[in-house]
Structure formats: structure tokens, C-alpha cells
Amino acid sequence: MDAKLLAFLKDGKYRIKTLELLYKKPRLSSELATLLNINRASMSRILSDLKKKDLVESTSDGTRTVVYTITEKGKKCLEELK
């Protein structure tokens, strides 16, 4: 696994925790923010960063509801960190 990517994950306070929550089941951004006790803007930024690195993906059913899921790459990163 890419050492820079693992360092990126360790560098952020909530990045690994977010991946761990998404590993259990897909979730809404607001749900993640509540579980991690952070504001929605911060959660949105974290998810955006993780999405740019292809660690999470988002799906929408045509409404404003966006569900986030962990990618295979994200799962492999979590395994590397354990």
C-alpha cells in the first residue's frame, strides 16, 4: 500500500474513524457527523478528501440524499493500518 496514502489517513483525526464506520455499513454524511460528534461542514470536507483519494464513494437516488460507502481501496488501507 502507498505509504503517502497511509500517512494521509493517520494525519487526519477523523479519517480512519470515518472509514471504520463506513466499513460497517453505508451512511449519510449527517449520520457520520453525529456519530463522530463533529459539525457537518467538517464531515463534508473529510468525505471530500477521502473521495478524492478513492477511499469512499457516494451514491444518490436522484434526491438530495447522498449515501457514502467505503471502496475496496479504502478497505485495503484499513487492513494495512491494523
PDB file of N, CA and C in Angstrom:
ATOM      1  N   MET A   1       0.856  -1.188   0.000  1.00  0.00           N
ATOM      2  CA  MET A   1       0.000   0.000   0.000  1.00  0.00           C
ATOM      3  C   MET A   1       0.890   1.234   0.000  1.00  0.00           C
ATOM      4  N   ASP A   2       0.408   2.263  -0.600  1.00  0.00           N
ATOM      5  CA  ASP A   2       1.121   3.532  -0.725  1.00  0.00           C
ATOM      6  C   ASP A   2       1.354   4.176   0.652  1.00  0.00           C
ATOM      7  N   ALA A   3       2.613   4.390   0.996  1.00  0.00           N
ATOM      8  CA  ALA A   3       2.959   4.981   2.295  1.00  0.00           C
ATOM      9  C   ALA A   3       2.397   6.389   2.443  1.00  0.00           C
ATOM     10  N   LYS A   4       2.361   7.145   1.357  1.00  0.00           N
ATOM     11  CA  LYS A   4       1.809   8.510   1.414  1.00  0.00           C
ATOM     12  C   LYS A   4       0.324   8.471   1.769  1.00  0.00           C
ATOM     13  N   LEU A   5      -0.380   7.505   1.211  1.00  0.00           N
ATOM     14  CA  LEU A   5      -1.817   7.377   1.463  1.00  0.00           C
ATOM     15  C   LEU A   5      -2.072   7.017   2.927  1.00  0.00           C
ATOM     16  N   LEU A   6      -1.289   6.103   3.455  1.00  0.00           N
ATOM     17  CA  LEU A   6      -1.440   5.714   4.859  1.00  0.00           C
ATOM     18  C   LEU A   6      -1.097   6.890   5.777  1.00  0.00           C
ATOM     19  N   ALA A   7      -0.082   7.656   5.408  1.00  0.00           N
ATOM     20  CA  ALA A   7       0.285   8.842   6.192  1.00  0.00           C
ATOM     21  C   ALA A   7      -0.845   9.871   6.145  1.00  0.00           C
ATOM     22  N   PHE A   8      -1.472  10.027   4.983  1.00  0.00           N
ATOM     23  CA  PHE A   8      -2.621  10.935   4.826  1.00  0.00           C
ATOM     24  C   PHE A   8      -3.734  10.537   5.799  1.00  0.00           C
ATOM     25  N   LEU A   9      -4.019   9.248   5.887  1.00  0.00           N
ATOM     26  CA  LEU A   9      -5.079   8.781   6.775  1.00  0.00           C
ATOM     27  C   LEU A   9      -4.728   9.025   8.241  1.00  0.00           C
ATOM     28  N   LYS A  10      -3.495   8.750   8.614  1.00  0.00           N
ATOM     29  CA  LYS A  10      -3.068   8.922  10.004  1.00  0.00           C
ATOM     30  C   LYS A  10      -3.007  10.394  10.394  1.00  0.00           C
ATOM     31  N   ASP A  11      -2.796  11.259   9.419  1.00  0.00           N
ATOM     32  CA  ASP A  11      -2.647  12.690   9.657  1.00  0.00           C
ATOM     33  C   ASP A  11      -3.945  13.358  10.098  1.00  0.00           C
ATOM     34  N   GLY A  12      -5.071  12.856   9.652  1.00  0.00           N
ATOM     35  CA  GLY A  12      -6.360  13.459   9.999  1.00  0.00           C
ATOM     36  C   GLY A  12      -6.985  12.766  11.194  1.00  0.00           C
ATOM     37  N   LYS A  13      -7.550  13.536  12.083  1.00  0.00           N
ATOM     38  CA  LYS A  13      -8.110  12.994  13.319  1.00  0.00           C
ATOM     39  C   LYS A  13      -9.295  12.049  13.079  1.00  0.00           C
ATOM     40  N   TYR A  14     -10.104  12.322  12.058  1.00  0.00           N
ATOM     41  CA  TYR A  14     -11.333  11.557  11.844  1.00  0.00           C
ATOM     42  C   TYR A  14     -11.339  10.693  10.586  1.00  0.00           C
ATOM     43  N   ARG A  15     -10.274  10.693   9.821  1.00  0.00           N
ATOM     44  CA  ARG A  15     -10.266   9.955   8.556  1.00  0.00           C
ATOM     45  C   ARG A  15     -10.394   8.447   8.763  1.00  0.00           C
ATOM     46  N   ILE A  16      -9.590   7.902   9.649  1.00  0.00           N
ATOM     47  CA  ILE A  16      -9.636   6.457   9.897  1.00  0.00           C
ATOM     48  C   ILE A  16     -10.960   6.076  10.546  1.00  0.00           C
ATOM     49  N   LYS A  17     -11.421   6.886  11.501  1.00  0.00           N
ATOM     50  CA  LYS A  17     -12.693   6.616  12.176  1.00  0.00           C
ATOM     51  C   LYS A  17     -13.845   6.614  11.167  1.00  0.00           C
ATOM     52  N   THR A  18     -13.794   7.527  10.208  1.00  0.00           N
ATOM     53  CA  THR A  18     -14.828   7.593   9.174  1.00  0.00           C
ATOM     54  C   THR A  18     -14.827   6.321   8.340  1.00  0.00           C
ATOM     55  N   LEU A  19     -13.649   5.878   7.931  1.00  0.00           N
ATOM     56  CA  LEU A  19     -13.549   4.636   7.147  1.00  0.00           C
ATOM     57  C   LEU A  19     -14.057   3.445   7.950  1.00  0.00           C
ATOM     58  N   GLU A  20     -13.737   3.409   9.238  1.00  0.00           N
ATOM     59  CA  GLU A  20     -14.188   2.294  10.075  1.00  0.00           C
ATOM     60  C   GLU A  20     -15.713   2.252  10.174  1.00  0.00           C
ATOM     61  N   LEU A  21     -16.329   3.412  10.302  1.00  0.00           N
ATOM     62  CA  LEU A  21     -17.798   3.465  10.359  1.00  0.00           C
ATOM     63  C   LEU A  21     -18.415   3.032   9.031  1.00  0.00           C
ATOM     64  N   LEU A  22     -17.806   3.451   7.933  1.00  0.00           N
ATOM     65  CA  LEU A  22     -18.319   3.081   6.614  1.00  0.00           C
ATOM     66  C   LEU A  22     -18.058   1.613   6.294  1.00  0.00           C
ATOM     67  N   TYR A  23     -17.052   1.034   6.915  1.00  0.00           N
ATOM     68  CA  TYR A  23     -16.757  -0.384   6.728  1.00  0.00           C
ATOM     69  C   TYR A  23     -17.910  -1.234   7.260  1.00  0.00           C
ATOM     70  N   LYS A  24     -18.515  -0.759   8.349  1.00  0.00           N
ATOM     71  CA  LYS A  24     -19.630  -1.481   8.966  1.00  0.00           C
ATOM     72  C   LYS A  24     -20.894  -1.393   8.113  1.00  0.00           C
ATOM     73  N   LYS A  25     -21.176  -0.199   7.575  1.00  0.00           N
ATOM     74  CA  LYS A  25     -22.355  -0.025   6.700  1.00  0.00           C
ATOM     75  C   LYS A  25     -22.321   1.346   6.035  1.00  0.00           C
ATOM     76  N   PRO A  26     -22.952   1.468   4.876  1.00  0.00           N
ATOM     77  CA  PRO A  26     -23.043   2.786   4.213  1.00  0.00           C
ATOM     78  C   PRO A  26     -23.820   3.764   5.099  1.00  0.00           C
ATOM     79  N   ARG A  27     -23.420   5.031   5.030  1.00  0.00           N
ATOM     80  CA  ARG A  27     -24.058   6.026   5.887  1.00  0.00           C
ATOM     81  C   ARG A  27     -24.178   7.376   5.190  1.00  0.00           C
ATOM     82  N   LEU A  28     -25.059   8.200   5.741  1.00  0.00           N
ATOM     83  CA  LEU A  28     -25.209   9.583   5.300  1.00  0.00           C
ATOM     84  C   LEU A  28     -24.125  10.425   5.960  1.00  0.00           C
ATOM     85  N   SER A  29     -23.781  11.529   5.329  1.00  0.00           N
ATOM     86  CA  SER A  29     -22.797  12.455   5.884  1.00  0.00           C
ATOM     87  C   SER A  29     -23.237  12.962   7.257  1.00  0.00           C
ATOM     88  N   SER A  30     -24.503  13.304   7.378  1.00  0.00           N
ATOM     89  CA  SER A  30     -25.022  13.822   8.650  1.00  0.00           C
ATOM     90  C   SER A  30     -24.951  12.764   9.755  1.00  0.00           C
ATOM     91  N   GLU A  31     -25.171  11.514   9.386  1.00  0.00           N
ATOM     92  CA  GLU A  31     -25.093  10.409  10.342  1.00  0.00           C
ATOM     93  C   GLU A  31     -23.649  10.243  10.849  1.00  0.00           C
ATOM     94  N   LEU A  32     -22.696  10.328   9.938  1.00  0.00           N
ATOM     95  CA  LEU A  32     -21.285  10.229  10.305  1.00  0.00           C
ATOM     96  C   LEU A  32     -20.890  11.379  11.230  1.00  0.00           C
ATOM     97  N   ALA A  33     -21.340  12.581  10.887  1.00  0.00           N
ATOM     98  CA  ALA A  33     -21.023  13.764  11.705  1.00  0.00           C
ATOM     99  C   ALA A  33     -21.551  13.590  13.123  1.00  0.00           C
ATOM    100  N   THR A  34     -22.759  13.079  13.252  1.00  0.00           N
ATOM    101  CA  THR A  34     -23.360  12.859  14.568  1.00  0.00           C
ATOM    102  C   THR A  34     -22.578  11.808  15.351  1.00  0.00           C
ATOM    103  N   LEU A  35     -22.249  10.696  14.701  1.00  0.00           N
ATOM    104  CA  LEU A  35     -21.519   9.615  15.369  1.00  0.00           C
ATOM    105  C   LEU A  35     -20.129  10.055  15.835  1.00  0.00           C
ATOM    106  N   LEU A  36     -19.490  10.919  15.066  1.00  0.00           N
ATOM    107  CA  LEU A  36     -18.146  11.389  15.408  1.00  0.00           C
ATOM    108  C   LEU A  36     -18.159  12.689  16.216  1.00  0.00           C
ATOM    109  N   ASN A  37     -19.374  13.220  16.426  1.00  0.00           N
ATOM    110  CA  ASN A  37     -19.553  14.448  17.201  1.00  0.00           C
ATOM    111  C   ASN A  37     -18.766  15.629  16.618  1.00  0.00           C
ATOM    112  N   ILE A  38     -18.876  15.799  15.301  1.00  0.00           N
ATOM    113  CA  ILE A  38     -18.270  16.947  14.621  1.00  0.00           C
ATOM    114  C   ILE A  38     -19.340  17.624  13.777  1.00  0.00           C
ATOM    115  N   ASN A  39     -19.066  18.853  13.343  1.00  0.00           N
ATOM    116  CA  ASN A  39     -20.081  19.556  12.559  1.00  0.00           C
ATOM    117  C   ASN A  39     -20.130  19.020  11.120  1.00  0.00           C
ATOM    118  N   ARG A  40     -21.231  19.291  10.471  1.00  0.00           N
ATOM    119  CA  ARG A  40     -21.463  18.747   9.128  1.00  0.00           C
ATOM    120  C   ARG A  40     -20.475  19.280   8.091  1.00  0.00           C
ATOM    121  N   ALA A  41     -20.061  20.521   8.239  1.00  0.00           N
ATOM    122  CA  ALA A  41     -19.105  21.107   7.292  1.00  0.00           C
ATOM    123  C   ALA A  41     -17.768  20.362   7.360  1.00  0.00           C
ATOM    124  N   SER A  42     -17.330  20.054   8.568  1.00  0.00           N
ATOM    125  CA  SER A  42     -16.084  19.305   8.745  1.00  0.00           C
ATOM    126  C   SER A  42     -16.217  17.908   8.145  1.00  0.00           C
ATOM    127  N   MET A  43     -17.359  17.266   8.382  1.00  0.00           N
ATOM    128  CA  MET A  43     -17.586  15.918   7.850  1.00  0.00           C
ATOM    129  C   MET A  43     -17.585  15.952   6.325  1.00  0.00           C
ATOM    130  N   SER A  44     -18.186  16.965   5.766  1.00  0.00           N
ATOM    131  CA  SER A  44     -18.233  17.115   4.317  1.00  0.00           C
ATOM    132  C   SER A  44     -16.824  17.238   3.738  1.00  0.00           C
ATOM    133  N   ARG A  45     -15.983  18.000   4.415  1.00  0.00           N
ATOM    134  CA  ARG A  45     -14.591  18.181   3.983  1.00  0.00           C
ATOM    135  C   ARG A  45     -13.823  16.857   4.056  1.00  0.00           C
ATOM    136  N   ILE A  46     -14.011  16.128   5.152  1.00  0.00           N
ATOM    137  CA  ILE A  46     -13.341  14.840   5.333  1.00  0.00           C
ATOM    138  C   ILE A  46     -13.761  13.870   4.235  1.00  0.00           C
ATOM    139  N   LEU A  47     -15.058  13.783   3.975  1.00  0.00           N
ATOM    140  CA  LEU A  47     -15.555  12.876   2.936  1.00  0.00           C
ATOM    141  C   LEU A  47     -15.052  13.274   1.556  1.00  0.00           C
ATOM    142  N   SER A  48     -14.976  14.572   1.309  1.00  0.00           N
ATOM    143  CA  SER A  48     -14.462  15.062   0.028  1.00  0.00           C
ATOM    144  C   SER A  48     -13.008  14.639  -0.162  1.00  0.00           C
ATOM    145  N   ASP A  49     -12.208  14.787   0.888  1.00  0.00           N
ATOM    146  CA  ASP A  49     -10.797  14.387   0.832  1.00  0.00           C
ATOM    147  C   ASP A  49     -10.657  12.883   0.601  1.00  0.00           C
ATOM    148  N   LEU A  50     -11.467  12.098   1.309  1.00  0.00           N
ATOM    149  CA  LEU A  50     -11.419  10.640   1.161  1.00  0.00           C
ATOM    150  C   LEU A  50     -11.886  10.210  -0.230  1.00  0.00           C
ATOM    151  N   LYS A  51     -12.856  10.946  -0.752  1.00  0.00           N
ATOM    152  CA  LYS A  51     -13.382  10.633  -2.091  1.00  0.00           C
ATOM    153  C   LYS A  51     -12.327  10.926  -3.165  1.00  0.00           C
ATOM    154  N   LYS A  52     -11.592  12.020  -3.012  1.00  0.00           N
ATOM    155  CA  LYS A  52     -10.535  12.371  -3.971  1.00  0.00           C
ATOM    156  C   LYS A  52      -9.456  11.295  -4.032  1.00  0.00           C
ATOM    157  N   LYS A  53      -9.255  10.595  -2.902  1.00  0.00           N
ATOM    158  CA  LYS A  53      -8.235   9.535  -2.822  1.00  0.00           C
ATOM    159  C   LYS A  53      -8.829   8.168  -3.177  1.00  0.00           C
ATOM    160  N   ASP A  54     -10.082   8.152  -3.625  1.00  0.00           N
ATOM    161  CA  ASP A  54     -10.799   6.911  -3.993  1.00  0.00           C
ATOM    162  C   ASP A  54     -10.933   5.932  -2.832  1.00  0.00           C
ATOM    163  N   LEU A  55     -11.092   6.462  -1.629  1.00  0.00           N
ATOM    164  CA  LEU A  55     -11.264   5.610  -0.453  1.00  0.00           C
ATOM    165  C   LEU A  55     -12.739   5.435  -0.097  1.00  0.00           C
ATOM    166  N   VAL A  56     -13.547   6.403  -0.511  1.00  0.00           N
ATOM    167  CA  VAL A  56     -15.003   6.303  -0.349  1.00  0.00           C
ATOM    168  C   VAL A  56     -15.657   6.729  -1.661  1.00  0.00           C
ATOM    169  N   GLU A  57     -16.908   6.304  -1.814  1.00  0.00           N
ATOM    170  CA  GLU A  57     -17.686   6.743  -2.968  1.00  0.00           C
ATOM    171  C   GLU A  57     -19.075   7.123  -2.488  1.00  0.00           C
ATOM    172  N   SER A  58     -19.728   7.947  -3.280  1.00  0.00           N
ATOM    173  CA  SER A  58     -21.065   8.396  -2.906  1.00  0.00           C
ATOM    174  C   SER A  58     -22.062   8.006  -3.981  1.00  0.00           C
ATOM    175  N   THR A  59     -23.265   7.714  -3.528  1.00  0.00           N
ATOM    176  CA  THR A  59     -24.347   7.407  -4.448  1.00  0.00           C
ATOM    177  C   THR A  59     -25.572   8.211  -4.045  1.00  0.00           C
ATOM    178  N   SER A  60     -26.333   8.593  -5.036  1.00  0.00           N
ATOM    179  CA  SER A  60     -27.548   9.360  -4.795  1.00  0.00           C
ATOM    180  C   SER A  60     -28.693   8.692  -5.533  1.00  0.00           C
ATOM    181  N   ASP A  61     -29.866   8.726  -4.945  1.00  0.00           N
ATOM    182  CA  ASP A  61     -31.029   8.119  -5.594  1.00  0.00           C
ATOM    183  C   ASP A  61     -31.832   9.139  -6.403  1.00  0.00           C
ATOM    184  N   GLY A  62     -31.188  10.220  -6.763  1.00  0.00           N
ATOM    185  CA  GLY A  62     -31.877  11.253  -7.539  1.00  0.00           C
ATOM    186  C   GLY A  62     -32.396  12.383  -6.672  1.00  0.00           C
ATOM    187  N   THR A  63     -32.438  12.163  -5.366  1.00  0.00           N
ATOM    188  CA  THR A  63     -32.840  13.226  -4.447  1.00  0.00           C
ATOM    189  C   THR A  63     -31.563  13.867  -3.912  1.00  0.00           C
ATOM    190  N   ARG A  64     -31.708  14.683  -2.895  1.00  0.00           N
ATOM    191  CA  ARG A  64     -30.525  15.315  -2.305  1.00  0.00           C
ATOM    192  C   ARG A  64     -29.808  14.377  -1.340  1.00  0.00           C
ATOM    193  N   THR A  65     -30.387  13.218  -1.101  1.00  0.00           N
ATOM    194  CA  THR A  65     -29.796  12.253  -0.179  1.00  0.00           C
ATOM    195  C   THR A  65     -28.598  11.559  -0.822  1.00  0.00           C
ATOM    196  N   VAL A  66     -27.445  11.667  -0.163  1.00  0.00           N
ATOM    197  CA  VAL A  66     -26.218  11.058  -0.667  1.00  0.00           C
ATOM    198  C   VAL A  66     -25.717  10.065   0.376  1.00  0.00           C
ATOM    199  N   VAL A  67     -25.510   8.829  -0.069  1.00  0.00           N
ATOM    200  CA  VAL A  67     -25.031   7.777   0.827  1.00  0.00           C
ATOM    201  C   VAL A  67     -23.567   7.494   0.493  1.00  0.00           C
ATOM    202  N   TYR A  68     -22.746   7.403   1.528  1.00  0.00           N
ATOM    203  CA  TYR A  68     -21.320   7.132   1.348  1.00  0.00           C
ATOM    204  C   TYR A  68     -21.002   5.685   1.699  1.00  0.00           C
ATOM    205  N   THR A  69     -20.138   5.084   0.893  1.00  0.00           N
ATOM    206  CA  THR A  69     -19.683   3.721   1.130  1.00  0.00           C
ATOM    207  C   THR A  69     -18.166   3.680   0.992  1.00  0.00           C
ATOM    208  N   ILE A  70     -17.553   2.710   1.644  1.00  0.00           N
ATOM    209  CA  ILE A  70     -16.114   2.543   1.552  1.00  0.00           C
ATOM    210  C   ILE A  70     -15.798   1.748   0.276  1.00  0.00           C
ATOM    211  N   THR A  71     -14.707   2.078  -0.370  1.00  0.00           N
ATOM    212  CA  THR A  71     -14.298   1.356  -1.582  1.00  0.00           C
ATOM    213  C   THR A  71     -13.367   0.202  -1.199  1.00  0.00           C
ATOM    214  N   GLU A  72     -13.059  -0.642  -2.163  1.00  0.00           N
ATOM    215  CA  GLU A  72     -12.106  -1.731  -1.922  1.00  0.00           C
ATOM    216  C   GLU A  72     -10.748  -1.161  -1.495  1.00  0.00           C
ATOM    217  N   LYS A  73     -10.359  -0.073  -2.132  1.00  0.00           N
ATOM    218  CA  LYS A  73      -9.094   0.589  -1.782  1.00  0.00           C
ATOM    219  C   LYS A  73      -9.121   1.049  -0.331  1.00  0.00           C
ATOM    220  N   GLY A  74     -10.261   1.592   0.094  1.00  0.00           N
ATOM    221  CA  GLY A  74     -10.418   2.034   1.473  1.00  0.00           C
ATOM    222  C   GLY A  74     -10.328   0.875   2.455  1.00  0.00           C
ATOM    223  N   LYS A  75     -10.933  -0.257   2.088  1.00  0.00           N
ATOM    224  CA  LYS A  75     -10.878  -1.456   2.936  1.00  0.00           C
ATOM    225  C   LYS A  75      -9.439  -1.961   3.064  1.00  0.00           C
ATOM    226  N   LYS A  76      -8.714  -1.951   1.965  1.00  0.00           N
ATOM    227  CA  LYS A  76      -7.324  -2.405   1.993  1.00  0.00           C
ATOM    228  C   LYS A  76      -6.469  -1.503   2.882  1.00  0.00           C
ATOM    229  N   CYS A  77      -6.724  -0.198   2.832  1.00  0.00           N
ATOM    230  CA  CYS A  77      -5.991   0.741   3.679  1.00  0.00           C
ATOM    231  C   CYS A  77      -6.248   0.452   5.156  1.00  0.00           C
ATOM    232  N   LEU A  78      -7.508   0.202   5.498  1.00  0.00           N
ATOM    233  CA  LEU A  78      -7.849  -0.112   6.890  1.00  0.00           C
ATOM    234  C   LEU A  78      -7.122  -1.368   7.351  1.00  0.00           C
ATOM    235  N   GLU A  79      -7.091  -2.376   6.493  1.00  0.00           N
ATOM    236  CA  GLU A  79      -6.414  -3.623   6.826  1.00  0.00           C
ATOM    237  C   GLU A  79      -4.924  -3.389   7.047  1.00  0.00           C
ATOM    238  N   GLU A  80      -4.331  -2.534   6.230  1.00  0.00           N
ATOM    239  CA  GLU A  80      -2.906  -2.213   6.360  1.00  0.00           C
ATOM    240  C   GLU A  80      -2.604  -1.513   7.683  1.00  0.00           C
ATOM    241  N   LEU A  81      -3.547  -0.708   8.134  1.00  0.00           N
ATOM    242  CA  LEU A  81      -3.342   0.074   9.356  1.00  0.00           C
ATOM    243  C   LEU A  81      -3.510  -0.759  10.631  1.00  0.00           C
ATOM    244  N   LYS A  82      -4.116  -1.937  10.509  1.00  0.00           N
ATOM    245  CA  LYS A  82      -4.348  -2.776  11.702  1.00  0.00           C
ATOM    246  C   LYS A  82      -3.169  -3.655  11.999  1.00  0.00           C
TER     247      LYS A  82
END
